[in-house]
PDB file of N, CA and C in Angstrom:
ATOM      1  N   MET A   1      39.666  -7.630  23.649  1.00  0.00           N
ATOM      2  CA  MET A   1      40.942  -8.222  23.283  1.00  0.00           C
ATOM      3  C   MET A   1      40.942  -9.726  23.565  1.00  0.00           C
ATOM      4  N   LEU A   2      40.727 -10.117  24.813  1.00  0.00           N
ATOM      5  CA  LEU A   2      40.772 -11.532  25.136  1.00  0.00           C
ATOM      6  C   LEU A   2      39.510 -12.268  24.717  1.00  0.00           C
ATOM      7  N   SER A   3      38.394 -11.580  24.679  1.00  0.00           N
ATOM      8  CA  SER A   3      37.147 -12.251  24.332  1.00  0.00           C
ATOM      9  C   SER A   3      36.924 -12.320  22.829  1.00  0.00           C
ATOM     10  N   ASP A   4      37.836 -11.752  22.026  1.00  0.00           N
ATOM     11  CA  ASP A   4      37.703 -11.822  20.570  1.00  0.00           C
ATOM     12  C   ASP A   4      37.992 -13.220  20.052  1.00  0.00           C
ATOM     13  N   GLY A   5      38.677 -14.020  20.789  1.00  0.00           N
ATOM     14  CA  GLY A   5      39.023 -15.371  20.368  1.00  0.00           C
ATOM     15  C   GLY A   5      40.314 -15.809  21.013  1.00  0.00           C
ATOM     16  N   VAL A   6      40.620 -17.071  20.861  1.00  0.00           N
ATOM     17  CA  VAL A   6      41.812 -17.629  21.480  1.00  0.00           C
ATOM     18  C   VAL A   6      42.675 -18.257  20.396  1.00  0.00           C
ATOM     19  N   ILE A   7      43.956 -17.977  20.464  1.00  0.00           N
ATOM     20  CA  ILE A   7      44.924 -18.660  19.613  1.00  0.00           C
ATOM     21  C   ILE A   7      45.839 -19.426  20.558  1.00  0.00           C
ATOM     22  N   LEU A   8      45.826 -20.734  20.453  1.00  0.00           N
ATOM     23  CA  LEU A   8      46.628 -21.587  21.317  1.00  0.00           C
ATOM     24  C   LEU A   8      47.947 -21.896  20.630  1.00  0.00           C
ATOM     25  N   LEU A   9      49.039 -21.501  21.247  1.00  0.00           N
ATOM     26  CA  LEU A   9      50.367 -21.844  20.741  1.00  0.00           C
ATOM     27  C   LEU A   9      50.758 -23.152  21.409  1.00  0.00           C
ATOM     28  N   GLN A  10      50.648 -24.237  20.669  1.00  0.00           N
ATOM     29  CA  GLN A  10      50.878 -25.570  21.205  1.00  0.00           C
ATOM     30  C   GLN A  10      52.335 -25.940  21.003  1.00  0.00           C
ATOM     31  N   VAL A  11      53.119 -25.834  22.063  1.00  0.00           N
ATOM     32  CA  VAL A  11      54.553 -26.078  21.978  1.00  0.00           C
ATOM     33  C   VAL A  11      54.845 -27.572  21.865  1.00  0.00           C
ATOM     34  N   ASN A  12      54.150 -28.377  22.639  1.00  0.00           N
ATOM     35  CA  ASN A  12      54.345 -29.825  22.581  1.00  0.00           C
ATOM     36  C   ASN A  12      53.249 -30.413  21.703  1.00  0.00           C
ATOM     37  N   THR A  13      53.556 -30.637  20.448  1.00  0.00           N
ATOM     38  CA  THR A  13      52.544 -31.129  19.514  1.00  0.00           C
ATOM     39  C   THR A  13      52.263 -32.617  19.683  1.00  0.00           C
ATOM     40  N   HIS A  14      53.010 -33.297  20.521  1.00  0.00           N
ATOM     41  CA  HIS A  14      52.809 -34.727  20.754  1.00  0.00           C
ATOM     42  C   HIS A  14      51.876 -34.938  21.944  1.00  0.00           C
ATOM     43  N   THR A  15      50.666 -34.402  21.855  1.00  0.00           N
ATOM     44  CA  THR A  15      49.703 -34.555  22.938  1.00  0.00           C
ATOM     45  C   THR A  15      48.796 -35.738  22.644  1.00  0.00           C
ATOM     46  N   SER A  16      48.126 -36.212  23.667  1.00  0.00           N
ATOM     47  CA  SER A  16      47.261 -37.372  23.508  1.00  0.00           C
ATOM     48  C   SER A  16      46.056 -37.064  22.620  1.00  0.00           C
ATOM     49  N   ARG A  17      45.476 -38.099  22.071  1.00  0.00           N
ATOM     50  CA  ARG A  17      44.300 -37.947  21.222  1.00  0.00           C
ATOM     51  C   ARG A  17      43.160 -37.301  22.017  1.00  0.00           C
ATOM     52  N   LYS A  18      43.028 -37.689  23.285  1.00  0.00           N
ATOM     53  CA  LYS A  18      41.968 -37.134  24.145  1.00  0.00           C
ATOM     54  C   LYS A  18      42.127 -35.614  24.268  1.00  0.00           C
ATOM     55  N   THR A  19      43.353 -35.155  24.481  1.00  0.00           N
ATOM     56  CA  THR A  19      43.621 -33.714  24.580  1.00  0.00           C
ATOM     57  C   THR A  19      43.279 -33.016  23.278  1.00  0.00           C
ATOM     58  N   GLN A  20      43.663 -33.603  22.156  1.00  0.00           N
ATOM     59  CA  GLN A  20      43.372 -33.002  20.854  1.00  0.00           C
ATOM     60  C   GLN A  20      41.870 -32.914  20.611  1.00  0.00           C
ATOM     61  N   GLU A  21      41.112 -33.929  21.041  1.00  0.00           N
ATOM     62  CA  GLU A  21      39.656 -33.913  20.879  1.00  0.00           C
ATOM     63  C   GLU A  21      39.028 -32.784  21.695  1.00  0.00           C
ATOM     64  N   VAL A  22      39.506 -32.605  22.917  1.00  0.00           N
ATOM     65  CA  VAL A  22      38.977 -31.532  23.767  1.00  0.00           C
ATOM     66  C   VAL A  22      39.279 -30.168  23.156  1.00  0.00           C
ATOM     67  N   LEU A  23      40.497 -29.981  22.670  1.00  0.00           N
ATOM     68  CA  LEU A  23      40.872 -28.705  22.065  1.00  0.00           C
ATOM     69  C   LEU A  23      40.033 -28.409  20.830  1.00  0.00           C
ATOM     70  N   GLN A  24      39.695 -29.428  20.048  1.00  0.00           N
ATOM     71  CA  GLN A  24      38.857 -29.220  18.866  1.00  0.00           C
ATOM     72  C   GLN A  24      37.462 -28.755  19.257  1.00  0.00           C
ATOM     73  N   LYS A  25      36.949 -29.223  20.386  1.00  0.00           N
ATOM     74  CA  LYS A  25      35.614 -28.813  20.848  1.00  0.00           C
ATOM     75  C   LYS A  25      35.568 -27.323  21.182  1.00  0.00           C
ATOM     76  N   PHE A  26      36.697 -26.780  21.646  1.00  0.00           N
ATOM     77  CA  PHE A  26      36.742 -25.355  21.977  1.00  0.00           C
ATOM     78  C   PHE A  26      36.740 -24.476  20.732  1.00  0.00           C
ATOM     79  N   GLU A  27      37.058 -25.058  19.583  1.00  0.00           N
ATOM     80  CA  GLU A  27      37.119 -24.333  18.313  1.00  0.00           C
ATOM     81  C   GLU A  27      38.117 -23.174  18.359  1.00  0.00           C
ATOM     82  N   TRP A  28      39.228 -23.401  19.044  1.00  0.00           N
ATOM     83  CA  TRP A  28      40.288 -22.411  19.092  1.00  0.00           C
ATOM     84  C   TRP A  28      41.159 -22.557  17.860  1.00  0.00           C
ATOM     85  N   GLU A  29      41.778 -21.462  17.459  1.00  0.00           N
ATOM     86  CA  GLU A  29      42.794 -21.536  16.412  1.00  0.00           C
ATOM     87  C   GLU A  29      44.057 -22.080  17.075  1.00  0.00           C
ATOM     88  N   ILE A  30      44.628 -23.133  16.505  1.00  0.00           N
ATOM     89  CA  ILE A  30      45.794 -23.771  17.112  1.00  0.00           C
ATOM     90  C   ILE A  30      47.003 -23.592  16.206  1.00  0.00           C
ATOM     91  N   CYS A  31      48.033 -23.012  16.768  1.00  0.00           N
ATOM     92  CA  CYS A  31      49.290 -22.821  16.042  1.00  0.00           C
ATOM     93  C   CYS A  31      50.259 -23.871  16.578  1.00  0.00           C
ATOM     94  N   ALA A  32      50.409 -24.979  15.846  1.00  0.00           N
ATOM     95  CA  ALA A  32      51.253 -26.079  16.309  1.00  0.00           C
ATOM     96  C   ALA A  32      52.728 -25.842  16.005  1.00  0.00           C
ATOM     97  N   THR A  33      53.014 -24.973  15.071  1.00  0.00           N
ATOM     98  CA  THR A  33      54.399 -24.671  14.731  1.00  0.00           C
ATOM     99  C   THR A  33      54.735 -23.282  15.246  1.00  0.00           C
ATOM    100  N   PRO A  34      55.565 -23.194  16.269  1.00  0.00           N
ATOM    101  CA  PRO A  34      55.896 -21.876  16.800  1.00  0.00           C
ATOM    102  C   PRO A  34      56.668 -21.048  15.779  1.00  0.00           C
ATOM    103  N   PRO A  35      56.510 -19.735  15.836  1.00  0.00           N
ATOM    104  CA  PRO A  35      57.262 -18.878  14.927  1.00  0.00           C
ATOM    105  C   PRO A  35      58.754 -18.964  15.233  1.00  0.00           C
ATOM    106  N   PRO A  36      59.602 -18.590  14.282  1.00  0.00           N
ATOM    107  CA  PRO A  36      61.045 -18.610  14.536  1.00  0.00           C
ATOM    108  C   PRO A  36      61.394 -17.754  15.754  1.00  0.00           C
ATOM    109  N   TYR A  37      62.409 -18.165  16.494  1.00  0.00           N
ATOM    110  CA  TYR A  37      62.799 -17.429  17.690  1.00  0.00           C
ATOM    111  C   TYR A  37      63.268 -16.023  17.348  1.00  0.00           C
ATOM    112  N   SER A  38      62.819 -15.107  18.129  1.00  0.00           N
ATOM    113  CA  SER A  38      63.258 -13.725  18.009  1.00  0.00           C
ATOM    114  C   SER A  38      63.286 -13.140  19.411  1.00  0.00           C
ATOM    115  N   GLN A  39      64.321 -12.400  19.750  1.00  0.00           N
ATOM    116  CA  GLN A  39      64.367 -11.775  21.076  1.00  0.00           C
ATOM    117  C   GLN A  39      63.205 -10.823  21.269  1.00  0.00           C
ATOM    118  N   ASP A  40      62.725 -10.238  20.178  1.00  0.00           N
ATOM    119  CA  ASP A  40      61.617  -9.301  20.285  1.00  0.00           C
ATOM    120  C   ASP A  40      60.318  -9.989  20.662  1.00  0.00           C
ATOM    121  N   SER A  41      60.222 -11.278  20.420  1.00  0.00           N
ATOM    122  CA  SER A  41      58.976 -11.970  20.721  1.00  0.00           C
ATOM    123  C   SER A  41      59.143 -13.044  21.789  1.00  0.00           C
ATOM    124  N   ALA A  42      60.262 -13.038  22.492  1.00  0.00           N
ATOM    125  CA  ALA A  42      60.475 -14.027  23.540  1.00  0.00           C
ATOM    126  C   ALA A  42      59.438 -13.830  24.644  1.00  0.00           C
ATOM    127  N   PRO A  43      58.633 -14.867  24.947  1.00  0.00           N
ATOM    128  CA  PRO A  43      57.531 -14.707  25.886  1.00  0.00           C
ATOM    129  C   PRO A  43      57.945 -14.434  27.322  1.00  0.00           C
ATOM    130  N   ASN A  44      59.167 -14.770  27.701  1.00  0.00           N
ATOM    131  CA  ASN A  44      59.567 -14.596  29.091  1.00  0.00           C
ATOM    132  C   ASN A  44      60.118 -13.212  29.406  1.00  0.00           C
ATOM    133  N   LEU A  45      60.271 -12.349  28.422  1.00  0.00           N
ATOM    134  CA  LEU A  45      60.893 -11.051  28.678  1.00  0.00           C
ATOM    135  C   LEU A  45      60.068 -10.159  29.601  1.00  0.00           C
ATOM    136  N   GLY A  46      58.775 -10.268  29.566  1.00  0.00           N
ATOM    137  CA  GLY A  46      57.945  -9.411  30.406  1.00  0.00           C
ATOM    138  C   GLY A  46      57.309 -10.135  31.568  1.00  0.00           C
ATOM    139  N   SER A  47      57.588 -11.414  31.703  1.00  0.00           N
ATOM    140  CA  SER A  47      56.892 -12.199  32.716  1.00  0.00           C
ATOM    141  C   SER A  47      57.220 -11.766  34.141  1.00  0.00           C
ATOM    142  N   LYS A  48      58.454 -11.385  34.407  1.00  0.00           N
ATOM    143  CA  LYS A  48      58.808 -10.984  35.769  1.00  0.00           C
ATOM    144  C   LYS A  48      58.130  -9.677  36.155  1.00  0.00           C
ATOM    145  N   ARG A  49      57.977  -8.801  35.183  1.00  0.00           N
ATOM    146  CA  ARG A  49      57.361  -7.505  35.469  1.00  0.00           C
ATOM    147  C   ARG A  49      55.888  -7.657  35.848  1.00  0.00           C
ATOM    148  N   LEU A  50      55.192  -8.606  35.236  1.00  0.00           N
ATOM    149  CA  LEU A  50      53.767  -8.790  35.479  1.00  0.00           C
ATOM    150  C   LEU A  50      53.473  -9.937  36.442  1.00  0.00           C
ATOM    151  N   TYR A  51      54.503 -10.593  36.953  1.00  0.00           N
ATOM    152  CA  TYR A  51      54.313 -11.736  37.835  1.00  0.00           C
ATOM    153  C   TYR A  51      53.454 -11.352  39.038  1.00  0.00           C
ATOM    154  N   GLY A  52      52.408 -12.113  39.282  1.00  0.00           N
ATOM    155  CA  GLY A  52      51.537 -11.889  40.428  1.00  0.00           C
ATOM    156  C   GLY A  52      50.496 -10.807  40.233  1.00  0.00           C
ATOM    157  N   THR A  53      50.483 -10.168  39.074  1.00  0.00           N
ATOM    158  CA  THR A  53      49.512  -9.111  38.807  1.00  0.00           C
ATOM    159  C   THR A  53      48.144  -9.721  38.561  1.00  0.00           C
ATOM    160  N   LYS A  54      47.122  -9.164  39.190  1.00  0.00           N
ATOM    161  CA  LYS A  54      45.753  -9.614  38.978  1.00  0.00           C
ATOM    162  C   LYS A  54      45.016  -8.526  38.212  1.00  0.00           C
ATOM    163  N   PHE A  55      44.396  -8.909  37.118  1.00  0.00           N
ATOM    164  CA  PHE A  55      43.673  -7.967  36.283  1.00  0.00           C
ATOM    165  C   PHE A  55      42.180  -8.148  36.504  1.00  0.00           C
ATOM    166  N   SER A  56      41.458  -7.040  36.571  1.00  0.00           N
ATOM    167  CA  SER A  56      40.017  -7.124  36.813  1.00  0.00           C
ATOM    168  C   SER A  56      39.198  -7.055  35.533  1.00  0.00           C
ATOM    169  N   SER A  57      39.841  -6.740  34.411  1.00  0.00           N
ATOM    170  CA  SER A  57      39.092  -6.648  33.158  1.00  0.00           C
ATOM    171  C   SER A  57      40.024  -6.831  31.966  1.00  0.00           C
ATOM    172  N   ASN A  58      39.423  -7.092  30.811  1.00  0.00           N
ATOM    173  CA  ASN A  58      40.200  -7.185  29.573  1.00  0.00           C
ATOM    174  C   ASN A  58      40.905  -5.867  29.290  1.00  0.00           C
ATOM    175  N   SER A  59      40.251  -4.775  29.649  1.00  0.00           N
ATOM    176  CA  SER A  59      40.818  -3.449  29.427  1.00  0.00           C
ATOM    177  C   SER A  59      42.125  -3.271  30.205  1.00  0.00           C
ATOM    178  N   ASP A  60      42.152  -3.773  31.436  1.00  0.00           N
ATOM    179  CA  ASP A  60      43.370  -3.682  32.248  1.00  0.00           C
ATOM    180  C   ASP A  60      44.513  -4.492  31.628  1.00  0.00           C
ATOM    181  N   VAL A  61      44.187  -5.671  31.094  1.00  0.00           N
ATOM    182  CA  VAL A  61      45.198  -6.504  30.437  1.00  0.00           C
ATOM    183  C   VAL A  61      45.742  -5.784  29.214  1.00  0.00           C
ATOM    184  N   LYS A  62      44.834  -5.223  28.423  1.00  0.00           N
ATOM    185  CA  LYS A  62      45.234  -4.514  27.208  1.00  0.00           C
ATOM    186  C   LYS A  62      46.138  -3.331  27.539  1.00  0.00           C
ATOM    187  N   THR A  63      45.776  -2.564  28.549  1.00  0.00           N
ATOM    188  CA  THR A  63      46.568  -1.402  28.953  1.00  0.00           C
ATOM    189  C   THR A  63      47.959  -1.828  29.419  1.00  0.00           C
ATOM    190  N   ALA A  64      48.034  -2.880  30.240  1.00  0.00           N
ATOM    191  CA  ALA A  64      49.328  -3.357  30.737  1.00  0.00           C
ATOM    192  C   ALA A  64      50.202  -3.841  29.581  1.00  0.00           C
ATOM    193  N   ALA A  65      49.605  -4.559  28.639  1.00  0.00           N
ATOM    194  CA  ALA A  65      50.368  -5.054  27.487  1.00  0.00           C
ATOM    195  C   ALA A  65      50.864  -3.902  26.622  1.00  0.00           C
ATOM    196  N   GLU A  66      50.005  -2.925  26.381  1.00  0.00           N
ATOM    197  CA  GLU A  66      50.407  -1.772  25.568  1.00  0.00           C
ATOM    198  C   GLU A  66      51.516  -0.978  26.252  1.00  0.00           C
ATOM    199  N   ASN A  67      51.396  -0.786  27.563  1.00  0.00           N
ATOM    200  CA  ASN A  67      52.435  -0.064  28.310  1.00  0.00           C
ATOM    201  C   ASN A  67      53.768  -0.805  28.243  1.00  0.00           C
ATOM    202  N   TRP A  68      53.728  -2.134  28.378  1.00  0.00           N
ATOM    203  CA  TRP A  68      54.955  -2.924  28.325  1.00  0.00           C
ATOM    204  C   TRP A  68      55.568  -2.869  26.931  1.00  0.00           C
ATOM    205  N   LEU A  69      54.729  -2.987  25.892  1.00  0.00           N
ATOM    206  CA  LEU A  69      55.238  -2.972  24.519  1.00  0.00           C
ATOM    207  C   LEU A  69      55.803  -1.610  24.120  1.00  0.00           C
ATOM    208  N   ASN A  70      55.217  -0.542  24.661  1.00  0.00           N
ATOM    209  CA  ASN A  70      55.675   0.809  24.326  1.00  0.00           C
ATOM    210  C   ASN A  70      56.850   1.258  25.185  1.00  0.00           C
ATOM    211  N   GLY A  71      57.231   0.434  26.139  1.00  0.00           N
ATOM    212  CA  GLY A  71      58.397   0.753  26.959  1.00  0.00           C
ATOM    213  C   GLY A  71      58.041   1.660  28.054  1.00  0.00           C
TER     214      GLY A  71
END
């Protein structure tokens, strides 16, 4: 899941040229325009539940995300 690639959601698109050059070197997909707001996709809704959680593998992250999404 996490090692398949990275999509960077860049909220502040007014970053320095140096930062943009570094990000290009990583060859990440960059989404500079955030999707329209939706309560279903608000990133902070699950943050308190997982706060301080340490994951030992991608599998653990995937399981936690699936459990949270499935309620």
